[in-house]
N, C-alpha and C. Protein backbone atom coordinates (compact mmCIF):
# COMPACT_ATOMS: atom_id res chain seq x y z
N MET A 1 -10.35 -16.25 -18.16
CA MET A 1 -10.80 -14.95 -17.70
C MET A 1 -12.24 -15.09 -17.20
N TYR A 2 -12.52 -14.40 -16.10
CA TYR A 2 -13.85 -14.46 -15.51
C TYR A 2 -14.76 -13.38 -16.10
N ILE A 3 -16.05 -13.67 -16.09
CA ILE A 3 -17.04 -12.72 -16.57
C ILE A 3 -16.95 -11.40 -15.80
N LYS A 4 -16.72 -11.46 -14.50
CA LYS A 4 -16.66 -10.24 -13.69
C LYS A 4 -15.52 -9.32 -14.13
N ASP A 5 -14.52 -9.86 -14.81
CA ASP A 5 -13.39 -9.07 -15.27
C ASP A 5 -13.66 -8.37 -16.60
N MET A 6 -14.75 -8.70 -17.25
CA MET A 6 -14.99 -8.11 -18.57
C MET A 6 -16.41 -7.60 -18.76
N MET A 7 -17.29 -7.89 -17.83
CA MET A 7 -18.69 -7.46 -18.00
C MET A 7 -18.81 -5.95 -17.88
N THR A 8 -19.86 -5.42 -18.46
CA THR A 8 -20.20 -4.02 -18.29
C THR A 8 -21.03 -3.92 -17.03
N SER A 9 -20.50 -3.22 -16.04
CA SER A 9 -21.20 -3.10 -14.75
C SER A 9 -22.28 -2.03 -14.78
N ARG A 10 -22.13 -1.09 -15.68
CA ARG A 10 -23.15 -0.03 -15.79
C ARG A 10 -24.28 -0.58 -16.65
N ILE A 11 -25.37 -0.94 -16.00
CA ILE A 11 -26.50 -1.49 -16.72
C ILE A 11 -27.66 -0.51 -16.68
N VAL A 12 -28.54 -0.65 -17.64
CA VAL A 12 -29.74 0.17 -17.69
C VAL A 12 -30.92 -0.77 -17.50
N THR A 13 -31.78 -0.43 -16.54
CA THR A 13 -32.95 -1.25 -16.28
C THR A 13 -34.22 -0.44 -16.49
N VAL A 14 -35.27 -1.15 -16.85
CA VAL A 14 -36.60 -0.57 -16.93
C VAL A 14 -37.52 -1.50 -16.16
N GLU A 15 -38.70 -1.00 -15.84
CA GLU A 15 -39.67 -1.81 -15.12
C GLU A 15 -40.66 -2.42 -16.10
N MET A 16 -41.35 -3.44 -15.64
CA MET A 16 -42.25 -4.22 -16.50
C MET A 16 -43.30 -3.35 -17.20
N ASP A 17 -43.82 -2.34 -16.51
CA ASP A 17 -44.90 -1.53 -17.08
C ASP A 17 -44.42 -0.23 -17.72
N ASP A 18 -43.12 -0.05 -17.86
CA ASP A 18 -42.63 1.11 -18.60
C ASP A 18 -43.07 0.97 -20.05
N THR A 19 -43.39 2.09 -20.67
CA THR A 19 -43.86 2.06 -22.06
C THR A 19 -42.68 2.00 -23.03
N LEU A 20 -42.98 1.60 -24.25
CA LEU A 20 -41.93 1.59 -25.27
C LEU A 20 -41.48 3.01 -25.58
N GLY A 21 -42.35 3.98 -25.36
CA GLY A 21 -41.92 5.38 -25.50
C GLY A 21 -40.81 5.70 -24.51
N ASP A 22 -40.96 5.24 -23.26
CA ASP A 22 -39.92 5.44 -22.25
C ASP A 22 -38.64 4.68 -22.62
N VAL A 23 -38.82 3.45 -23.06
CA VAL A 23 -37.66 2.62 -23.42
C VAL A 23 -36.94 3.23 -24.62
N ARG A 24 -37.69 3.73 -25.58
CA ARG A 24 -37.08 4.37 -26.75
C ARG A 24 -36.24 5.57 -26.34
N GLU A 25 -36.73 6.37 -25.41
CA GLU A 25 -35.95 7.51 -24.92
C GLU A 25 -34.64 7.06 -24.30
N ILE A 26 -34.68 5.97 -23.55
CA ILE A 26 -33.46 5.45 -22.93
C ILE A 26 -32.47 5.03 -24.01
N PHE A 27 -32.93 4.27 -25.00
CA PHE A 27 -32.04 3.85 -26.08
C PHE A 27 -31.46 5.05 -26.82
N ASN A 28 -32.23 6.12 -26.96
CA ASN A 28 -31.73 7.31 -27.64
C ASN A 28 -30.68 8.06 -26.82
N LYS A 29 -30.69 7.88 -25.50
CA LYS A 29 -29.77 8.61 -24.62
C LYS A 29 -28.49 7.85 -24.31
N VAL A 30 -28.55 6.53 -24.29
CA VAL A 30 -27.38 5.74 -23.91
C VAL A 30 -26.89 4.92 -25.10
N ALA A 31 -25.64 4.58 -25.07
CA ALA A 31 -25.04 3.84 -26.18
C ALA A 31 -25.06 2.33 -25.90
N PHE A 32 -26.20 1.84 -25.44
CA PHE A 32 -26.35 0.41 -25.18
C PHE A 32 -27.26 -0.21 -26.21
N HIS A 33 -27.13 -1.51 -26.38
CA HIS A 33 -27.96 -2.24 -27.32
C HIS A 33 -29.02 -3.07 -26.62
N HIS A 34 -28.95 -3.13 -25.29
CA HIS A 34 -29.89 -3.93 -24.50
C HIS A 34 -30.22 -3.20 -23.20
N VAL A 35 -31.48 -3.31 -22.78
CA VAL A 35 -31.88 -2.87 -21.45
C VAL A 35 -32.49 -4.08 -20.75
N LEU A 36 -32.29 -4.14 -19.45
CA LEU A 36 -32.81 -5.24 -18.66
C LEU A 36 -34.14 -4.83 -18.04
N VAL A 37 -35.08 -5.74 -18.03
CA VAL A 37 -36.39 -5.49 -17.43
C VAL A 37 -36.41 -6.18 -16.08
N VAL A 38 -36.70 -5.40 -15.04
CA VAL A 38 -36.69 -5.94 -13.68
C VAL A 38 -38.09 -5.88 -13.07
N ALA A 39 -38.35 -6.81 -12.18
CA ALA A 39 -39.60 -6.84 -11.42
C ALA A 39 -39.51 -5.85 -10.27
N ASP A 40 -40.59 -5.69 -9.55
CA ASP A 40 -40.62 -4.76 -8.42
C ASP A 40 -39.56 -5.07 -7.37
N ASN A 41 -39.21 -6.34 -7.21
CA ASN A 41 -38.20 -6.72 -6.22
C ASN A 41 -36.77 -6.61 -6.74
N GLY A 42 -36.61 -6.12 -7.97
CA GLY A 42 -35.28 -5.93 -8.54
C GLY A 42 -34.72 -7.14 -9.27
N GLU A 43 -35.44 -8.25 -9.24
CA GLU A 43 -34.96 -9.45 -9.93
C GLU A 43 -35.20 -9.32 -11.44
N LEU A 44 -34.33 -9.94 -12.19
CA LEU A 44 -34.42 -9.89 -13.65
C LEU A 44 -35.66 -10.62 -14.15
N SER A 45 -36.41 -9.96 -15.02
CA SER A 45 -37.60 -10.57 -15.63
C SER A 45 -37.42 -10.79 -17.12
N GLY A 46 -36.62 -9.94 -17.77
CA GLY A 46 -36.44 -10.07 -19.21
C GLY A 46 -35.44 -9.07 -19.73
N MET A 47 -35.35 -9.00 -21.05
CA MET A 47 -34.41 -8.09 -21.70
C MET A 47 -35.04 -7.60 -23.00
N ILE A 48 -34.76 -6.34 -23.33
CA ILE A 48 -35.21 -5.75 -24.59
C ILE A 48 -33.98 -5.28 -25.34
N SER A 49 -33.88 -5.69 -26.59
CA SER A 49 -32.76 -5.26 -27.43
C SER A 49 -33.21 -4.12 -28.33
N ASP A 50 -32.25 -3.43 -28.91
CA ASP A 50 -32.60 -2.39 -29.88
C ASP A 50 -33.33 -3.00 -31.07
N ARG A 51 -33.03 -4.25 -31.40
CA ARG A 51 -33.76 -4.94 -32.48
C ARG A 51 -35.22 -5.18 -32.10
N ASP A 52 -35.45 -5.55 -30.83
CA ASP A 52 -36.83 -5.72 -30.36
C ASP A 52 -37.61 -4.42 -30.53
N MET A 53 -36.96 -3.32 -30.24
CA MET A 53 -37.62 -2.01 -30.38
C MET A 53 -37.96 -1.74 -31.84
N ARG A 54 -36.99 -1.94 -32.72
CA ARG A 54 -37.24 -1.70 -34.15
C ARG A 54 -38.38 -2.58 -34.67
N HIS A 55 -38.44 -3.80 -34.16
CA HIS A 55 -39.46 -4.75 -34.61
C HIS A 55 -40.86 -4.35 -34.12
N ASN A 56 -40.96 -3.74 -32.95
CA ASN A 56 -42.26 -3.46 -32.34
C ASN A 56 -42.76 -2.03 -32.51
N LEU A 57 -41.88 -1.10 -32.81
CA LEU A 57 -42.32 0.27 -33.04
C LEU A 57 -42.65 0.46 -34.51
N SER A 58 -43.65 1.26 -34.77
CA SER A 58 -44.03 1.52 -36.16
C SER A 58 -42.91 2.27 -36.88
N PRO A 59 -42.57 1.84 -38.08
CA PRO A 59 -41.54 2.56 -38.84
C PRO A 59 -42.02 3.93 -39.32
N LYS A 60 -43.31 4.18 -39.20
CA LYS A 60 -43.85 5.47 -39.65
C LYS A 60 -43.77 6.55 -38.58
N LEU A 61 -43.35 6.19 -37.36
CA LEU A 61 -43.23 7.19 -36.30
C LEU A 61 -42.29 8.31 -36.74
N GLY A 62 -42.73 9.55 -36.55
CA GLY A 62 -41.89 10.69 -36.89
C GLY A 62 -41.88 11.05 -38.35
N THR A 63 -42.74 10.41 -39.14
CA THR A 63 -42.82 10.73 -40.57
C THR A 63 -44.16 11.40 -40.87
N ALA A 64 -44.28 11.93 -42.06
CA ALA A 64 -45.54 12.56 -42.47
C ALA A 64 -46.67 11.54 -42.56
N ALA A 65 -46.34 10.27 -42.71
CA ALA A 65 -47.34 9.21 -42.84
C ALA A 65 -47.81 8.68 -41.48
N GLU A 66 -47.28 9.21 -40.39
CA GLU A 66 -47.61 8.73 -39.05
C GLU A 66 -49.10 8.91 -38.76
N LEU A 67 -49.72 7.85 -38.24
CA LEU A 67 -51.13 7.87 -37.83
C LEU A 67 -51.21 7.55 -36.34
N GLN A 68 -52.40 7.64 -35.78
CA GLN A 68 -52.58 7.35 -34.36
C GLN A 68 -52.16 5.92 -34.03
N ARG A 69 -52.48 4.97 -34.91
CA ARG A 69 -52.09 3.58 -34.63
C ARG A 69 -50.57 3.42 -34.55
N ASP A 70 -49.84 4.26 -35.29
CA ASP A 70 -48.37 4.24 -35.21
C ASP A 70 -47.92 4.76 -33.84
N ARG A 71 -48.53 5.86 -33.40
CA ARG A 71 -48.21 6.42 -32.08
C ARG A 71 -48.59 5.46 -30.96
N ASP A 72 -49.63 4.67 -31.19
CA ASP A 72 -50.08 3.71 -30.17
C ASP A 72 -49.01 2.66 -29.86
N THR A 73 -48.11 2.40 -30.79
CA THR A 73 -47.05 1.41 -30.50
C THR A 73 -46.16 1.90 -29.37
N LEU A 74 -46.11 3.21 -29.15
CA LEU A 74 -45.31 3.76 -28.05
C LEU A 74 -45.91 3.45 -26.68
N THR A 75 -47.18 3.04 -26.65
CA THR A 75 -47.83 2.75 -25.37
C THR A 75 -47.73 1.28 -24.98
N LEU A 76 -47.18 0.45 -25.85
CA LEU A 76 -46.93 -0.94 -25.46
C LEU A 76 -46.05 -0.94 -24.22
N LYS A 77 -46.16 -1.98 -23.41
CA LYS A 77 -45.39 -2.09 -22.17
C LYS A 77 -44.16 -2.98 -22.39
N ALA A 78 -43.15 -2.72 -21.60
CA ALA A 78 -41.90 -3.48 -21.70
C ALA A 78 -42.15 -4.98 -21.61
N HIS A 79 -43.01 -5.40 -20.68
CA HIS A 79 -43.26 -6.83 -20.50
C HIS A 79 -43.93 -7.47 -21.72
N GLN A 80 -44.53 -6.65 -22.59
CA GLN A 80 -45.19 -7.19 -23.77
C GLN A 80 -44.21 -7.57 -24.88
N ILE A 81 -43.03 -6.98 -24.88
CA ILE A 81 -42.10 -7.27 -25.97
C ILE A 81 -40.78 -7.88 -25.49
N MET A 82 -40.57 -7.93 -24.18
CA MET A 82 -39.28 -8.40 -23.67
C MET A 82 -39.08 -9.88 -23.96
N THR A 83 -37.83 -10.26 -24.06
CA THR A 83 -37.46 -11.67 -24.14
C THR A 83 -37.44 -12.22 -22.72
N ARG A 84 -38.10 -13.34 -22.53
CA ARG A 84 -38.19 -13.97 -21.21
C ARG A 84 -37.30 -15.20 -21.17
N ASN A 85 -37.22 -15.81 -20.00
CA ASN A 85 -36.47 -17.06 -19.83
C ASN A 85 -35.06 -16.93 -20.39
N LEU A 86 -34.37 -15.93 -19.93
CA LEU A 86 -33.03 -15.61 -20.44
C LEU A 86 -31.98 -16.60 -19.95
N ILE A 87 -30.99 -16.79 -20.77
CA ILE A 87 -29.78 -17.47 -20.33
C ILE A 87 -28.95 -16.41 -19.63
N THR A 88 -28.47 -16.73 -18.44
CA THR A 88 -27.71 -15.75 -17.66
C THR A 88 -26.38 -16.36 -17.23
N LEU A 89 -25.52 -15.48 -16.77
CA LEU A 89 -24.22 -15.88 -16.24
C LEU A 89 -24.07 -15.36 -14.83
N GLY A 90 -23.12 -15.94 -14.12
CA GLY A 90 -22.71 -15.42 -12.82
C GLY A 90 -21.35 -14.76 -12.99
N PRO A 91 -20.96 -13.92 -12.05
CA PRO A 91 -19.69 -13.20 -12.17
C PRO A 91 -18.46 -14.11 -12.20
N ASP A 92 -18.57 -15.31 -11.64
CA ASP A 92 -17.43 -16.22 -11.61
C ASP A 92 -17.43 -17.24 -12.74
N ASP A 93 -18.37 -17.11 -13.67
CA ASP A 93 -18.34 -17.96 -14.87
C ASP A 93 -17.18 -17.53 -15.75
N GLN A 94 -16.77 -18.41 -16.64
CA GLN A 94 -15.65 -18.15 -17.53
C GLN A 94 -16.13 -17.52 -18.85
N VAL A 95 -15.25 -16.79 -19.50
CA VAL A 95 -15.56 -16.19 -20.79
C VAL A 95 -15.97 -17.27 -21.79
N PHE A 96 -15.34 -18.43 -21.71
CA PHE A 96 -15.69 -19.52 -22.61
C PHE A 96 -17.18 -19.85 -22.51
N ASP A 97 -17.75 -19.77 -21.30
CA ASP A 97 -19.18 -20.04 -21.12
C ASP A 97 -20.01 -19.06 -21.94
N ALA A 98 -19.63 -17.80 -21.91
CA ALA A 98 -20.35 -16.78 -22.68
C ALA A 98 -20.25 -17.06 -24.17
N ILE A 99 -19.04 -17.36 -24.63
CA ILE A 99 -18.84 -17.64 -26.06
C ILE A 99 -19.69 -18.83 -26.49
N ALA A 100 -19.73 -19.86 -25.66
CA ALA A 100 -20.53 -21.04 -25.98
C ALA A 100 -22.01 -20.68 -26.09
N HIS A 101 -22.51 -19.88 -25.17
CA HIS A 101 -23.92 -19.46 -25.23
C HIS A 101 -24.20 -18.61 -26.46
N PHE A 102 -23.30 -17.69 -26.77
CA PHE A 102 -23.50 -16.83 -27.94
C PHE A 102 -23.63 -17.66 -29.21
N THR A 103 -22.77 -18.64 -29.36
CA THR A 103 -22.79 -19.43 -30.60
C THR A 103 -23.90 -20.47 -30.61
N GLN A 104 -24.13 -21.13 -29.49
CA GLN A 104 -25.15 -22.19 -29.46
C GLN A 104 -26.57 -21.65 -29.55
N HIS A 105 -26.81 -20.49 -28.94
CA HIS A 105 -28.18 -19.98 -28.85
C HIS A 105 -28.42 -18.77 -29.76
N LYS A 106 -27.39 -18.36 -30.49
CA LYS A 106 -27.51 -17.23 -31.42
C LYS A 106 -28.06 -15.98 -30.72
N ILE A 107 -27.43 -15.65 -29.60
CA ILE A 107 -27.80 -14.46 -28.84
C ILE A 107 -26.61 -13.51 -28.80
N SER A 108 -26.87 -12.27 -28.46
CA SER A 108 -25.80 -11.28 -28.52
C SER A 108 -25.42 -10.69 -27.17
N ALA A 109 -26.20 -10.97 -26.13
CA ALA A 109 -25.88 -10.43 -24.81
C ALA A 109 -26.40 -11.36 -23.73
N LEU A 110 -25.68 -11.37 -22.62
CA LEU A 110 -26.04 -12.21 -21.49
C LEU A 110 -26.04 -11.37 -20.22
N PRO A 111 -27.16 -11.32 -19.51
CA PRO A 111 -27.16 -10.64 -18.22
C PRO A 111 -26.31 -11.41 -17.21
N VAL A 112 -25.68 -10.67 -16.32
CA VAL A 112 -24.89 -11.26 -15.25
C VAL A 112 -25.65 -10.99 -13.95
N LEU A 113 -25.94 -12.07 -13.21
CA LEU A 113 -26.75 -11.96 -12.00
C LEU A 113 -25.94 -12.31 -10.76
N ASP A 114 -26.31 -11.66 -9.64
CA ASP A 114 -25.72 -12.04 -8.37
C ASP A 114 -26.46 -13.27 -7.84
N ALA A 115 -26.08 -13.73 -6.66
CA ALA A 115 -26.66 -14.95 -6.10
C ALA A 115 -28.15 -14.81 -5.81
N LYS A 116 -28.64 -13.58 -5.70
CA LYS A 116 -30.05 -13.35 -5.41
C LYS A 116 -30.89 -13.14 -6.67
N GLY A 117 -30.27 -13.30 -7.85
CA GLY A 117 -30.99 -13.15 -9.10
C GLY A 117 -31.15 -11.72 -9.57
N LYS A 118 -30.38 -10.82 -8.98
CA LYS A 118 -30.46 -9.42 -9.38
C LYS A 118 -29.33 -9.09 -10.35
N PRO A 119 -29.64 -8.31 -11.38
CA PRO A 119 -28.61 -8.00 -12.38
C PRO A 119 -27.51 -7.10 -11.83
N ILE A 120 -26.27 -7.51 -12.12
CA ILE A 120 -25.10 -6.73 -11.71
C ILE A 120 -24.24 -6.35 -12.91
N GLY A 121 -24.61 -6.83 -14.08
CA GLY A 121 -23.83 -6.52 -15.27
C GLY A 121 -24.42 -7.18 -16.49
N ILE A 122 -23.75 -6.96 -17.59
CA ILE A 122 -24.15 -7.57 -18.86
C ILE A 122 -22.87 -7.78 -19.67
N VAL A 123 -22.84 -8.85 -20.42
CA VAL A 123 -21.69 -9.10 -21.29
C VAL A 123 -22.24 -9.38 -22.68
N SER A 124 -21.61 -8.78 -23.67
CA SER A 124 -22.04 -8.98 -25.06
C SER A 124 -20.87 -9.53 -25.87
N TRP A 125 -21.21 -10.02 -27.05
CA TRP A 125 -20.14 -10.50 -27.93
C TRP A 125 -19.20 -9.36 -28.28
N ARG A 126 -19.72 -8.13 -28.29
CA ARG A 126 -18.86 -6.97 -28.57
C ARG A 126 -17.79 -6.81 -27.49
N ASP A 127 -18.17 -7.07 -26.24
CA ASP A 127 -17.20 -6.98 -25.14
C ASP A 127 -16.05 -7.95 -25.34
N ILE A 128 -16.38 -9.16 -25.76
CA ILE A 128 -15.35 -10.17 -25.98
C ILE A 128 -14.46 -9.79 -27.16
N LEU A 129 -15.07 -9.32 -28.24
CA LEU A 129 -14.28 -8.89 -29.39
C LEU A 129 -13.37 -7.71 -29.04
N GLN A 130 -13.85 -6.81 -28.19
CA GLN A 130 -13.03 -5.67 -27.80
C GLN A 130 -11.80 -6.12 -27.03
N ILE A 131 -11.95 -7.12 -26.18
CA ILE A 131 -10.80 -7.65 -25.45
C ILE A 131 -9.81 -8.26 -26.43
N ILE A 132 -10.31 -8.96 -27.43
CA ILE A 132 -9.42 -9.55 -28.43
C ILE A 132 -8.68 -8.46 -29.18
N VAL A 133 -9.38 -7.41 -29.58
CA VAL A 133 -8.75 -6.30 -30.30
C VAL A 133 -7.71 -5.62 -29.41
N ASP A 134 -8.02 -5.48 -28.14
CA ASP A 134 -7.11 -4.81 -27.21
C ASP A 134 -5.88 -5.64 -26.87
N THR A 135 -5.95 -6.96 -27.15
CA THR A 135 -4.81 -7.82 -26.88
C THR A 135 -3.67 -7.44 -27.81
N LYS A 136 -2.50 -7.25 -27.25
CA LYS A 136 -1.40 -6.69 -28.02
C LYS A 136 -0.68 -7.69 -28.92
N SER A 137 -0.74 -8.96 -28.60
CA SER A 137 -0.02 -9.93 -29.42
C SER A 137 -0.77 -11.25 -29.44
N ARG A 138 -0.41 -12.09 -30.41
CA ARG A 138 -1.02 -13.41 -30.49
C ARG A 138 -0.69 -14.24 -29.26
N ASP A 139 0.52 -14.09 -28.75
CA ASP A 139 0.89 -14.85 -27.56
C ASP A 139 0.00 -14.48 -26.38
N ASP A 140 -0.25 -13.16 -26.21
CA ASP A 140 -1.15 -12.72 -25.14
C ASP A 140 -2.54 -13.30 -25.35
N PHE A 141 -2.99 -13.27 -26.60
CA PHE A 141 -4.32 -13.78 -26.91
C PHE A 141 -4.41 -15.27 -26.63
N ASN A 142 -3.41 -16.03 -27.05
CA ASN A 142 -3.41 -17.47 -26.82
C ASN A 142 -3.38 -17.80 -25.34
N THR A 143 -2.68 -17.00 -24.55
CA THR A 143 -2.65 -17.19 -23.11
C THR A 143 -4.02 -16.90 -22.51
N TRP A 144 -4.65 -15.85 -23.00
CA TRP A 144 -5.96 -15.45 -22.49
C TRP A 144 -7.01 -16.51 -22.77
N ILE A 145 -6.99 -17.05 -23.99
CA ILE A 145 -7.97 -18.08 -24.36
C ILE A 145 -7.62 -19.36 -23.64
């Protein structure tokens, strides 16, 4: 099976200088675990996961103990916390390639890029597991793998 047949084509992107406050709002509105960070020319620069957000935002935000320094974490920029030098896939790569990257590099999502380096999708280990769950029989699953 090809990546293009299983990737999520609806991606969410942010720009390098978007604040974590902006990124947090996006995560609160969409049911995604990753947003892609793009440069001005639309090429992929990095990725921010919901875990990256939890790690970089103060846990005191929104509590009675919140101080100005906690609110200041919302002004950090996307490029300051994004993961760089990402492993990526192309739409014609095989699902096996994604599985190999997930296990070898202990990552949970892979951006899918077109020939010009622009993001066209994302595939996560959850996407692969969902296909397995949706498979109706072991024979279908064995054929798919």
